[in-house]
Amino acid sequence: MADLDRLDMTFTALADPTRRAILARLAQGEATVMELARPFAMSQPAVSRHLKVLERAGLISRSRIGTSRPCRIEPQALAGATHWLEDFRKLWDARFAALDNLLEDMKAGHEPGPYDH
C-alpha cells in the first residue's frame, strides 16, 4: 500500500472520537471486543465496524484465542502520521522564528528591507 494511502487511512480512522477512545483503551493493554464495547452506548456489531476501520488502517491487530478475539494496538502504524506531522511542525517552527525575528527588528526601529525574511 502506498504511503499516502496509509496516511489517509490513518487520519480517517483517527477522525472518529469512538475510534480514538478505543485506541486509548488499547494503549493500556489488549482487550476483547466485548471489553471494548462496554463503555459505549452502541451494539457490539457497531464496535466491530469501528475495529475493522482501525484494523484496515493498521492501527490495531486482532488474534483468535478459542472463541475470543483479543485486540491490541500497533503503535508503529502511527509512525507515518507522526513523521508527516513532524515535518509540518518543523516548517511552522521555522516560520514563527522568522516572524519573531521580524517583530523584534520592528520593535527596535529597524525597517525591514526586501530581503529581510
N, C-alpha and C. Protein backbone atom coordinates (compact mmCIF):
# COMPACT_ATOMS: atom_id res chain seq x y z
N MET A 1 0.84 -1.18 0.00
CA MET A 1 0.00 0.00 0.00
C MET A 1 0.89 1.24 0.00
N ALA A 2 0.52 2.24 -0.78
CA ALA A 2 1.30 3.46 -0.87
C ALA A 2 1.25 4.22 0.46
N ASP A 3 2.33 4.95 0.73
CA ASP A 3 2.41 5.68 1.99
C ASP A 3 1.26 6.68 2.14
N LEU A 4 0.90 7.36 1.05
CA LEU A 4 -0.19 8.34 1.14
C LEU A 4 -1.53 7.67 1.41
N ASP A 5 -1.75 6.50 0.84
CA ASP A 5 -2.98 5.76 1.13
C ASP A 5 -3.02 5.36 2.60
N ARG A 6 -1.91 4.90 3.11
CA ARG A 6 -1.82 4.50 4.53
C ARG A 6 -2.06 5.72 5.42
N LEU A 7 -1.49 6.86 5.05
CA LEU A 7 -1.67 8.09 5.81
C LEU A 7 -3.15 8.50 5.81
N ASP A 8 -3.79 8.43 4.64
CA ASP A 8 -5.22 8.76 4.55
C ASP A 8 -6.04 7.84 5.44
N MET A 9 -5.74 6.56 5.41
CA MET A 9 -6.48 5.60 6.23
C MET A 9 -6.26 5.85 7.73
N THR A 10 -5.04 6.23 8.08
CA THR A 10 -4.73 6.52 9.48
C THR A 10 -5.52 7.72 9.96
N PHE A 11 -5.49 8.82 9.20
CA PHE A 11 -6.21 10.01 9.63
C PHE A 11 -7.72 9.81 9.58
N THR A 12 -8.21 9.03 8.64
CA THR A 12 -9.64 8.71 8.61
C THR A 12 -10.03 7.93 9.87
N ALA A 13 -9.22 6.97 10.23
CA ALA A 13 -9.50 6.18 11.44
C ALA A 13 -9.45 7.05 12.68
N LEU A 14 -8.49 7.96 12.75
CA LEU A 14 -8.33 8.81 13.93
C LEU A 14 -9.35 9.94 14.00
N ALA A 15 -10.07 10.19 12.92
CA ALA A 15 -11.04 11.29 12.89
C ALA A 15 -12.25 11.03 13.77
N ASP A 16 -12.51 9.80 14.10
CA ASP A 16 -13.70 9.45 14.88
C ASP A 16 -13.37 9.36 16.37
N PRO A 17 -14.14 10.04 17.23
CA PRO A 17 -13.83 10.02 18.67
C PRO A 17 -13.96 8.63 19.29
N THR A 18 -14.89 7.82 18.80
CA THR A 18 -15.02 6.46 19.34
C THR A 18 -13.77 5.65 19.04
N ARG A 19 -13.25 5.77 17.83
CA ARG A 19 -12.05 5.02 17.48
C ARG A 19 -10.84 5.52 18.28
N ARG A 20 -10.78 6.83 18.52
CA ARG A 20 -9.68 7.34 19.35
C ARG A 20 -9.79 6.81 20.77
N ALA A 21 -11.02 6.71 21.29
CA ALA A 21 -11.22 6.17 22.64
C ALA A 21 -10.83 4.69 22.69
N ILE A 22 -11.15 3.96 21.64
CA ILE A 22 -10.76 2.54 21.57
C ILE A 22 -9.23 2.43 21.58
N LEU A 23 -8.56 3.26 20.80
CA LEU A 23 -7.09 3.23 20.78
C LEU A 23 -6.52 3.59 22.15
N ALA A 24 -7.13 4.57 22.81
CA ALA A 24 -6.65 4.96 24.15
C ALA A 24 -6.79 3.78 25.12
N ARG A 25 -7.90 3.05 25.01
CA ARG A 25 -8.08 1.88 25.87
C ARG A 25 -7.05 0.81 25.55
N LEU A 26 -6.82 0.57 24.25
CA LEU A 26 -5.86 -0.47 23.86
C LEU A 26 -4.42 -0.07 24.20
N ALA A 27 -4.16 1.19 24.37
CA ALA A 27 -2.82 1.63 24.80
C ALA A 27 -2.51 1.11 26.20
N GLN A 28 -3.55 0.76 26.95
CA GLN A 28 -3.36 0.22 28.31
C GLN A 28 -3.15 -1.29 28.29
N GLY A 29 -3.44 -1.93 27.15
CA GLY A 29 -3.28 -3.37 27.05
C GLY A 29 -4.36 -3.96 26.17
N GLU A 30 -4.15 -5.20 25.75
CA GLU A 30 -5.11 -5.80 24.83
C GLU A 30 -6.46 -6.01 25.52
N ALA A 31 -7.51 -6.07 24.68
CA ALA A 31 -8.87 -6.23 25.19
C ALA A 31 -9.71 -6.94 24.14
N THR A 32 -10.76 -7.60 24.61
CA THR A 32 -11.68 -8.26 23.69
C THR A 32 -12.68 -7.24 23.15
N VAL A 33 -13.41 -7.63 22.11
CA VAL A 33 -14.42 -6.75 21.53
C VAL A 33 -15.46 -6.39 22.59
N MET A 34 -15.87 -7.36 23.38
CA MET A 34 -16.86 -7.09 24.42
C MET A 34 -16.33 -6.11 25.46
N GLU A 35 -15.08 -6.23 25.83
CA GLU A 35 -14.49 -5.28 26.78
C GLU A 35 -14.42 -3.88 26.17
N LEU A 36 -14.12 -3.81 24.88
CA LEU A 36 -14.04 -2.51 24.22
C LEU A 36 -15.42 -1.89 24.04
N ALA A 37 -16.44 -2.71 23.85
CA ALA A 37 -17.81 -2.21 23.63
C ALA A 37 -18.44 -1.70 24.93
N ARG A 38 -18.02 -2.20 26.06
CA ARG A 38 -18.66 -1.91 27.35
C ARG A 38 -18.88 -0.41 27.62
N PRO A 39 -17.90 0.48 27.45
CA PRO A 39 -18.14 1.88 27.82
C PRO A 39 -18.98 2.67 26.81
N PHE A 40 -19.32 2.08 25.69
CA PHE A 40 -20.02 2.82 24.64
C PHE A 40 -21.49 2.44 24.59
N ALA A 41 -22.32 3.41 24.28
CA ALA A 41 -23.76 3.17 24.12
C ALA A 41 -24.03 2.74 22.69
N MET A 42 -23.43 1.61 22.31
CA MET A 42 -23.63 1.08 20.96
C MET A 42 -23.53 -0.43 21.01
N SER A 43 -24.02 -1.04 19.96
CA SER A 43 -24.02 -2.51 19.90
C SER A 43 -22.61 -3.04 19.64
N GLN A 44 -22.45 -4.31 19.93
CA GLN A 44 -21.17 -4.97 19.65
C GLN A 44 -20.86 -4.94 18.16
N PRO A 45 -21.85 -5.15 17.25
CA PRO A 45 -21.55 -5.05 15.82
C PRO A 45 -21.07 -3.65 15.41
N ALA A 46 -21.60 -2.61 16.04
CA ALA A 46 -21.15 -1.24 15.73
C ALA A 46 -19.70 -1.05 16.16
N VAL A 47 -19.35 -1.57 17.33
CA VAL A 47 -17.96 -1.50 17.79
C VAL A 47 -17.07 -2.31 16.84
N SER A 48 -17.55 -3.45 16.39
CA SER A 48 -16.78 -4.27 15.44
C SER A 48 -16.50 -3.51 14.15
N ARG A 49 -17.46 -2.72 13.70
CA ARG A 49 -17.22 -1.91 12.48
C ARG A 49 -16.10 -0.90 12.72
N HIS A 50 -16.10 -0.28 13.90
CA HIS A 50 -15.01 0.65 14.24
C HIS A 50 -13.67 -0.09 14.26
N LEU A 51 -13.67 -1.28 14.82
CA LEU A 51 -12.45 -2.08 14.89
C LEU A 51 -11.94 -2.43 13.50
N LYS A 52 -12.84 -2.71 12.58
CA LYS A 52 -12.43 -3.02 11.20
C LYS A 52 -11.74 -1.83 10.56
N VAL A 53 -12.23 -0.62 10.81
CA VAL A 53 -11.59 0.58 10.27
C VAL A 53 -10.18 0.72 10.85
N LEU A 54 -10.07 0.53 12.16
CA LEU A 54 -8.76 0.63 12.81
C LEU A 54 -7.81 -0.46 12.31
N GLU A 55 -8.34 -1.64 12.08
CA GLU A 55 -7.52 -2.76 11.60
C GLU A 55 -7.05 -2.51 10.17
N ARG A 56 -7.95 -2.03 9.29
CA ARG A 56 -7.56 -1.74 7.91
C ARG A 56 -6.48 -0.65 7.86
N ALA A 57 -6.53 0.29 8.79
CA ALA A 57 -5.51 1.34 8.86
C ALA A 57 -4.21 0.83 9.48
N GLY A 58 -4.22 -0.40 10.00
CA GLY A 58 -3.02 -0.97 10.61
C GLY A 58 -2.80 -0.50 12.04
N LEU A 59 -3.78 0.19 12.62
CA LEU A 59 -3.60 0.73 13.97
C LEU A 59 -3.82 -0.30 15.06
N ILE A 60 -4.55 -1.36 14.74
CA ILE A 60 -4.74 -2.46 15.70
C ILE A 60 -4.58 -3.77 14.96
N SER A 61 -4.39 -4.82 15.74
CA SER A 61 -4.42 -6.17 15.18
C SER A 61 -5.31 -7.02 16.09
N ARG A 62 -5.84 -8.08 15.51
CA ARG A 62 -6.69 -8.99 16.28
C ARG A 62 -6.17 -10.41 16.09
N SER A 63 -6.29 -11.18 17.14
CA SER A 63 -5.92 -12.59 17.06
C SER A 63 -7.12 -13.41 17.51
N ARG A 64 -6.99 -14.70 17.39
CA ARG A 64 -8.08 -15.58 17.82
C ARG A 64 -7.51 -16.55 18.84
N ILE A 65 -8.12 -16.54 20.01
CA ILE A 65 -7.77 -17.49 21.07
C ILE A 65 -9.08 -18.17 21.47
N GLY A 66 -9.30 -19.36 20.94
CA GLY A 66 -10.58 -20.04 21.17
C GLY A 66 -11.70 -19.24 20.52
N THR A 67 -12.67 -18.83 21.32
CA THR A 67 -13.76 -18.01 20.79
C THR A 67 -13.51 -16.53 21.01
N SER A 68 -12.44 -16.21 21.68
CA SER A 68 -12.11 -14.81 21.97
C SER A 68 -11.30 -14.18 20.83
N ARG A 69 -11.52 -12.89 20.59
CA ARG A 69 -10.78 -12.15 19.57
C ARG A 69 -10.09 -10.94 20.21
N PRO A 70 -9.02 -11.15 20.96
CA PRO A 70 -8.36 -10.01 21.60
C PRO A 70 -7.76 -9.04 20.57
N CYS A 71 -7.86 -7.77 20.89
CA CYS A 71 -7.32 -6.70 20.03
C CYS A 71 -6.14 -6.08 20.74
N ARG A 72 -5.18 -5.64 19.96
CA ARG A 72 -4.02 -4.93 20.53
C ARG A 72 -3.66 -3.78 19.61
N ILE A 73 -3.12 -2.75 20.21
CA ILE A 73 -2.71 -1.57 19.44
C ILE A 73 -1.41 -1.89 18.71
N GLU A 74 -1.23 -1.30 17.56
CA GLU A 74 0.00 -1.43 16.77
C GLU A 74 0.63 -0.04 16.66
N PRO A 75 1.39 0.37 17.69
CA PRO A 75 1.87 1.75 17.75
C PRO A 75 2.76 2.16 16.58
N GLN A 76 3.47 1.22 15.97
CA GLN A 76 4.35 1.57 14.85
C GLN A 76 3.55 2.08 13.66
N ALA A 77 2.26 1.75 13.60
CA ALA A 77 1.43 2.21 12.49
C ALA A 77 1.23 3.72 12.52
N LEU A 78 1.42 4.33 13.66
CA LEU A 78 1.29 5.79 13.76
C LEU A 78 2.55 6.52 13.30
N ALA A 79 3.61 5.79 13.00
CA ALA A 79 4.88 6.42 12.63
C ALA A 79 4.74 7.30 11.39
N GLY A 80 4.01 6.85 10.38
CA GLY A 80 3.85 7.64 9.17
C GLY A 80 3.16 8.96 9.45
N ALA A 81 2.10 8.92 10.25
CA ALA A 81 1.39 10.15 10.61
C ALA A 81 2.27 11.06 11.46
N THR A 82 3.02 10.45 12.37
CA THR A 82 3.91 11.22 13.23
C THR A 82 4.97 11.95 12.41
N HIS A 83 5.57 11.26 11.44
CA HIS A 83 6.59 11.89 10.59
C HIS A 83 5.99 13.00 9.74
N TRP A 84 4.81 12.77 9.20
CA TRP A 84 4.13 13.78 8.39
C TRP A 84 3.84 15.02 9.21
N LEU A 85 3.33 14.84 10.43
CA LEU A 85 3.04 15.98 11.30
C LEU A 85 4.33 16.67 11.75
N GLU A 86 5.36 15.91 12.00
CA GLU A 86 6.64 16.48 12.43
C GLU A 86 7.24 17.39 11.36
N ASP A 87 7.11 17.00 10.09
CA ASP A 87 7.60 17.86 9.01
C ASP A 87 6.90 19.22 9.03
N PHE A 88 5.59 19.21 9.26
CA PHE A 88 4.86 20.48 9.33
C PHE A 88 5.21 21.27 10.58
N ARG A 89 5.44 20.57 11.69
CA ARG A 89 5.83 21.26 12.92
C ARG A 89 7.15 22.00 12.72
N LYS A 90 8.11 21.35 12.07
CA LYS A 90 9.40 21.98 11.80
C LYS A 90 9.24 23.20 10.89
N LEU A 91 8.40 23.06 9.86
CA LEU A 91 8.16 24.17 8.94
C LEU A 91 7.58 25.36 9.69
N TRP A 92 6.56 25.12 10.51
CA TRP A 92 5.92 26.23 11.22
C TRP A 92 6.81 26.79 12.32
N ASP A 93 7.61 25.96 12.97
CA ASP A 93 8.56 26.47 13.95
C ASP A 93 9.52 27.46 13.29
N ALA A 94 10.02 27.11 12.10
CA ALA A 94 10.94 27.99 11.38
C ALA A 94 10.24 29.29 10.98
N ARG A 95 9.01 29.20 10.53
CA ARG A 95 8.28 30.41 10.13
C ARG A 95 7.97 31.30 11.32
N PHE A 96 7.60 30.70 12.44
CA PHE A 96 7.33 31.50 13.64
C PHE A 96 8.61 32.15 14.16
N ALA A 97 9.73 31.44 14.07
CA ALA A 97 11.00 32.02 14.49
C ALA A 97 11.35 33.22 13.62
N ALA A 98 11.13 33.11 12.30
CA ALA A 98 11.39 34.23 11.40
C ALA A 98 10.46 35.40 11.71
N LEU A 99 9.22 35.11 12.03
CA LEU A 99 8.27 36.17 12.40
C LEU A 99 8.70 36.84 13.70
N ASP A 100 9.13 36.05 14.68
CA ASP A 100 9.63 36.61 15.93
C ASP A 100 10.80 37.55 15.67
N ASN A 101 11.74 37.14 14.80
CA ASN A 101 12.89 37.99 14.48
C ASN A 101 12.44 39.28 13.82
N LEU A 102 11.49 39.19 12.91
CA LEU A 102 10.98 40.37 12.23
C LEU A 102 10.31 41.32 13.23
N LEU A 103 9.52 40.79 14.12
CA LEU A 103 8.86 41.63 15.12
C LEU A 103 9.86 42.29 16.05
N GLU A 104 10.89 41.55 16.44
CA GLU A 104 11.95 42.15 17.28
C GLU A 104 12.65 43.29 16.55
N ASP A 105 12.94 43.08 15.27
CA ASP A 105 13.57 44.15 14.47
C ASP A 105 12.66 45.36 14.39
N MET A 106 11.39 45.14 14.21
CA MET A 106 10.44 46.25 14.10
C MET A 106 10.34 47.00 15.42
N LYS A 107 10.36 46.28 16.54
CA LYS A 107 10.32 46.92 17.86
C LYS A 107 11.56 47.78 18.06
N ALA A 108 12.68 47.32 17.53
CA ALA A 108 13.94 48.05 17.68
C ALA A 108 14.03 49.23 16.73
N GLY A 109 13.02 49.42 15.87
CA GLY A 109 13.00 50.55 14.97
C GLY A 109 13.64 50.28 13.63
N HIS A 110 14.02 49.06 13.37
CA HIS A 110 14.62 48.70 12.09
C HIS A 110 13.51 48.40 11.09
N GLU A 111 13.52 49.11 9.97
CA GLU A 111 12.54 48.86 8.91
C GLU A 111 13.00 47.66 8.10
N PRO A 112 12.12 46.68 7.91
CA PRO A 112 12.54 45.52 7.13
C PRO A 112 12.75 45.87 5.66
N GLY A 113 13.80 45.34 5.12
CA GLY A 113 14.08 45.53 3.70
C GLY A 113 13.49 44.41 2.88
N PRO A 114 13.65 44.48 1.56
CA PRO A 114 13.03 43.47 0.72
C PRO A 114 13.62 42.07 0.89
N TYR A 115 14.79 41.96 1.49
CA TYR A 115 15.43 40.66 1.65
C TYR A 115 15.45 40.18 3.09
N ASP A 116 14.75 40.87 3.97
CA ASP A 116 14.69 40.52 5.39
C ASP A 116 13.52 39.57 5.65
N HIS A 117 13.68 38.32 5.28
CA HIS A 117 12.61 37.34 5.54
C HIS A 117 13.13 36.30 6.45
